[in-house]
Amino acid sequence: MNIVPPRRLIQLSLAAAVIAATGPSLAQTAGRADAATSLFKVVTVKDEIVIGLSGPELDQIGRDAGGIARTLVSQGTLTAWQYAVHKGASGDLEQAPLRKVGLIAHDSLRVEPYATPLKVLPHE
């Protein structure tokens, strides 16, 4: 008989909850589903950040929040660009890459699509 460790069971439950909550929805970037960079909000007990993933990055892990959750559960970590609102050269507000961050799988982590009316700048 195989016994699943409680920590692994919690991780799998978290992944299933995230997948069920997000369904087939894709992150909306500046109101367009076909944009190159998709934004997601990562919520923990302490804080929340907005991350951006490019089309090729999403092709590797899955094009929705569930793909990010599955990657975190299976690999334990994920590197992504943190995004923040920033004033562009024209004076307009836009979502711009701030810094690269590492995400670590945690039992209370939640990933959800993040919609913004602002222009989203691509990252490197």
C-alpha atoms as a PDB file:
ATOM      1  CA  MET A   1       0.000   0.000   0.000  1.00  0.00           C
ATOM      2  CA  ASN A   2       1.367   3.435  -0.977  1.00  0.00           C
ATOM      3  CA  ILE A   3       0.914   6.206   1.576  1.00  0.00           C
ATOM      4  CA  VAL A   4       0.932   9.793   0.327  1.00  0.00           C
ATOM      5  CA  PRO A   5       2.775  12.178   2.678  1.00  0.00           C
ATOM      6  CA  PRO A   6       0.436  14.837   4.159  1.00  0.00           C
ATOM      7  CA  ARG A   7       2.502  17.716   2.697  1.00  0.00           C
ATOM      8  CA  ARG A   8       2.251  16.268  -0.833  1.00  0.00           C
ATOM      9  CA  LEU A   9      -1.494  15.715  -0.368  1.00  0.00           C
ATOM     10  CA  ILE A  10      -1.919  19.378   0.614  1.00  0.00           C
ATOM     11  CA  GLN A  11       0.105  20.501  -2.424  1.00  0.00           C
ATOM     12  CA  LEU A  12      -2.023  18.409  -4.754  1.00  0.00           C
ATOM     13  CA  SER A  13      -5.198  19.730  -3.122  1.00  0.00           C
ATOM     14  CA  LEU A  14      -3.967  23.299  -3.608  1.00  0.00           C
ATOM     15  CA  ALA A  15      -3.216  22.656  -7.271  1.00  0.00           C
ATOM     16  CA  ALA A  16      -6.663  21.119  -7.790  1.00  0.00           C
ATOM     17  CA  ALA A  17      -8.343  24.071  -6.072  1.00  0.00           C
ATOM     18  CA  VAL A  18      -6.464  26.575  -8.226  1.00  0.00           C
ATOM     19  CA  ILE A  19      -7.309  24.663 -11.396  1.00  0.00           C
ATOM     20  CA  ALA A  20     -10.972  24.429 -10.440  1.00  0.00           C
ATOM     21  CA  ALA A  21     -11.162  28.107  -9.481  1.00  0.00           C
ATOM     22  CA  THR A  22      -9.558  29.421 -12.646  1.00  0.00           C
ATOM     23  CA  GLY A  23     -11.127  27.048 -15.148  1.00  0.00           C
ATOM     24  CA  PRO A  24     -10.162  27.613 -18.745  1.00  0.00           C
ATOM     25  CA  SER A  25      -9.793  31.372 -18.363  1.00  0.00           C
ATOM     26  CA  LEU A  26      -6.639  33.079 -19.601  1.00  0.00           C
ATOM     27  CA  ALA A  27      -5.010  36.102 -18.044  1.00  0.00           C
ATOM     28  CA  GLN A  28      -6.116  39.282 -19.755  1.00  0.00           C
ATOM     29  CA  THR A  29      -3.369  41.689 -20.663  1.00  0.00           C
ATOM     30  CA  ALA A  30      -4.570  45.217 -21.383  1.00  0.00           C
ATOM     31  CA  GLY A  31      -7.950  43.703 -22.248  1.00  0.00           C
ATOM     32  CA  ARG A  32      -6.514  41.424 -24.984  1.00  0.00           C
ATOM     33  CA  ALA A  33      -6.166  37.664 -24.657  1.00  0.00           C
ATOM     34  CA  ASP A  34      -3.702  37.500 -27.569  1.00  0.00           C
ATOM     35  CA  ALA A  35      -1.097  39.832 -26.018  1.00  0.00           C
ATOM     36  CA  ALA A  36       2.506  38.647 -25.745  1.00  0.00           C
ATOM     37  CA  THR A  37       2.791  38.965 -21.947  1.00  0.00           C
ATOM     38  CA  SER A  38       0.100  37.654 -19.604  1.00  0.00           C
ATOM     39  CA  LEU A  39      -0.133  38.882 -16.025  1.00  0.00           C
ATOM     40  CA  PHE A  40      -0.995  36.817 -12.957  1.00  0.00           C
ATOM     41  CA  LYS A  41      -1.448  37.763  -9.301  1.00  0.00           C
ATOM     42  CA  VAL A  42       0.354  35.512  -6.816  1.00  0.00           C
ATOM     43  CA  VAL A  43      -1.294  35.709  -3.392  1.00  0.00           C
ATOM     44  CA  THR A  44       0.225  34.411  -0.163  1.00  0.00           C
ATOM     45  CA  VAL A  45      -0.703  34.819   3.482  1.00  0.00           C
ATOM     46  CA  LYS A  46       1.742  37.736   3.819  1.00  0.00           C
ATOM     47  CA  ASP A  47       1.387  39.636   0.539  1.00  0.00           C
ATOM     48  CA  GLU A  48       0.660  39.532  -3.163  1.00  0.00           C
ATOM     49  CA  ILE A  49       2.627  40.357  -6.295  1.00  0.00           C
ATOM     50  CA  VAL A  50       1.875  40.574 -10.006  1.00  0.00           C
ATOM     51  CA  ILE A  51       4.024  38.471 -12.320  1.00  0.00           C
ATOM     52  CA  GLY A  52       4.257  38.403 -16.084  1.00  0.00           C
ATOM     53  CA  LEU A  53       4.952  35.447 -18.337  1.00  0.00           C
ATOM     54  CA  SER A  54       5.595  35.645 -22.074  1.00  0.00           C
ATOM     55  CA  GLY A  55       3.836  33.508 -24.666  1.00  0.00           C
ATOM     56  CA  PRO A  56       6.773  31.083 -25.011  1.00  0.00           C
ATOM     57  CA  GLU A  57       7.024  30.736 -21.208  1.00  0.00           C
ATOM     58  CA  LEU A  58       3.314  29.974 -20.990  1.00  0.00           C
ATOM     59  CA  ASP A  59       3.609  27.447 -23.827  1.00  0.00           C
ATOM     60  CA  GLN A  60       6.046  25.491 -21.644  1.00  0.00           C
ATOM     61  CA  ILE A  61       3.978  25.466 -18.444  1.00  0.00           C
ATOM     62  CA  GLY A  62       0.377  25.977 -19.585  1.00  0.00           C
ATOM     63  CA  ARG A  63      -1.462  29.079 -20.653  1.00  0.00           C
ATOM     64  CA  ASP A  64      -3.426  29.642 -17.437  1.00  0.00           C
ATOM     65  CA  ALA A  65      -3.033  30.011 -13.683  1.00  0.00           C
ATOM     66  CA  GLY A  66      -3.445  26.257 -13.317  1.00  0.00           C
ATOM     67  CA  GLY A  67      -0.289  25.728 -15.371  1.00  0.00           C
ATOM     68  CA  ILE A  68       1.652  27.947 -12.991  1.00  0.00           C
ATOM     69  CA  ALA A  69       0.247  26.057  -9.990  1.00  0.00           C
ATOM     70  CA  ARG A  70       1.072  22.671 -11.544  1.00  0.00           C
ATOM     71  CA  THR A  71       4.631  23.825 -12.267  1.00  0.00           C
ATOM     72  CA  LEU A  72       5.089  25.023  -8.686  1.00  0.00           C
ATOM     73  CA  VAL A  73       3.769  21.739  -7.286  1.00  0.00           C
ATOM     74  CA  SER A  74       5.817  19.531  -9.607  1.00  0.00           C
ATOM     75  CA  GLN A  75       9.083  21.507  -9.614  1.00  0.00           C
ATOM     76  CA  GLY A  76       8.813  23.350  -6.288  1.00  0.00           C
ATOM     77  CA  THR A  77       9.956  26.683  -7.761  1.00  0.00           C
ATOM     78  CA  LEU A  78       9.327  29.019 -10.684  1.00  0.00           C
ATOM     79  CA  THR A  79      11.240  32.089 -11.847  1.00  0.00           C
ATOM     80  CA  ALA A  80       9.181  34.951 -13.290  1.00  0.00           C
ATOM     81  CA  TRP A  81       9.267  38.710 -13.782  1.00  0.00           C
ATOM     82  CA  GLN A  82       7.521  40.805 -11.149  1.00  0.00           C
ATOM     83  CA  TYR A  83       5.484  43.623 -12.706  1.00  0.00           C
ATOM     84  CA  ALA A  84       4.584  47.020 -11.263  1.00  0.00           C
ATOM     85  CA  VAL A  85       2.791  50.151 -12.418  1.00  0.00           C
ATOM     86  CA  HIS A  86       5.242  52.680 -13.778  1.00  0.00           C
ATOM     87  CA  LYS A  87       4.973  56.003 -15.596  1.00  0.00           C
ATOM     88  CA  GLY A  88       6.163  55.735 -19.200  1.00  0.00           C
ATOM     89  CA  ALA A  89       8.087  58.316 -21.223  1.00  0.00           C
ATOM     90  CA  SER A  90       4.804  59.765 -22.522  1.00  0.00           C
ATOM     91  CA  GLY A  91       3.509  60.176 -18.960  1.00  0.00           C
ATOM     92  CA  ASP A  92       0.996  57.328 -19.297  1.00  0.00           C
ATOM     93  CA  LEU A  93       0.836  54.613 -16.667  1.00  0.00           C
ATOM     94  CA  GLU A  94       1.883  51.155 -17.798  1.00  0.00           C
ATOM     95  CA  GLN A  95       2.675  47.735 -16.332  1.00  0.00           C
ATOM     96  CA  ALA A  96       6.436  47.238 -16.574  1.00  0.00           C
ATOM     97  CA  PRO A  97       8.834  44.480 -15.479  1.00  0.00           C
ATOM     98  CA  LEU A  98      10.391  45.384 -12.133  1.00  0.00           C
ATOM     99  CA  ARG A  99      12.703  42.471 -11.262  1.00  0.00           C
ATOM    100  CA  LYS A 100      13.045  38.730 -11.613  1.00  0.00           C
ATOM    101  CA  VAL A 101      11.633  36.827  -8.652  1.00  0.00           C
ATOM    102  CA  GLY A 102      11.643  33.209  -7.581  1.00  0.00           C
ATOM    103  CA  LEU A 103       8.386  31.633  -6.456  1.00  0.00           C
ATOM    104  CA  ILE A 104       8.512  28.711  -4.039  1.00  0.00           C
ATOM    105  CA  ALA A 105       5.629  26.265  -3.694  1.00  0.00           C
ATOM    106  CA  HIS A 106       3.710  26.804  -0.478  1.00  0.00           C
ATOM    107  CA  ASP A 107       0.507  25.331   0.904  1.00  0.00           C
ATOM    108  CA  SER A 108      -1.276  28.692   1.095  1.00  0.00           C
ATOM    109  CA  LEU A 109      -0.149  30.124  -2.258  1.00  0.00           C
ATOM    110  CA  ARG A 110      -2.823  31.154  -4.789  1.00  0.00           C
ATOM    111  CA  VAL A 111      -2.361  32.142  -8.446  1.00  0.00           C
ATOM    112  CA  GLU A 112      -5.055  33.983 -10.383  1.00  0.00           C
ATOM    113  CA  PRO A 113      -5.303  35.829 -13.705  1.00  0.00           C
ATOM    114  CA  TYR A 114      -4.683  39.572 -13.423  1.00  0.00           C
ATOM    115  CA  ALA A 115      -6.514  41.970 -15.733  1.00  0.00           C
ATOM    116  CA  THR A 116      -5.315  45.536 -16.260  1.00  0.00           C
ATOM    117  CA  PRO A 117      -6.428  48.364 -18.529  1.00  0.00           C
ATOM    118  CA  LEU A 118      -2.817  49.571 -18.720  1.00  0.00           C
ATOM    119  CA  LYS A 119      -0.331  48.840 -21.477  1.00  0.00           C
ATOM    120  CA  VAL A 120       1.858  45.858 -20.547  1.00  0.00           C
ATOM    121  CA  LEU A 121       5.523  46.070 -21.513  1.00  0.00           C
ATOM    122  CA  PRO A 122       7.280  42.814 -22.471  1.00  0.00           C
ATOM    123  CA  HIS A 123      10.181  41.526 -20.388  1.00  0.00           C
ATOM    124  CA  GLU A 124      13.559  40.228 -21.537  1.00  0.00           C
END
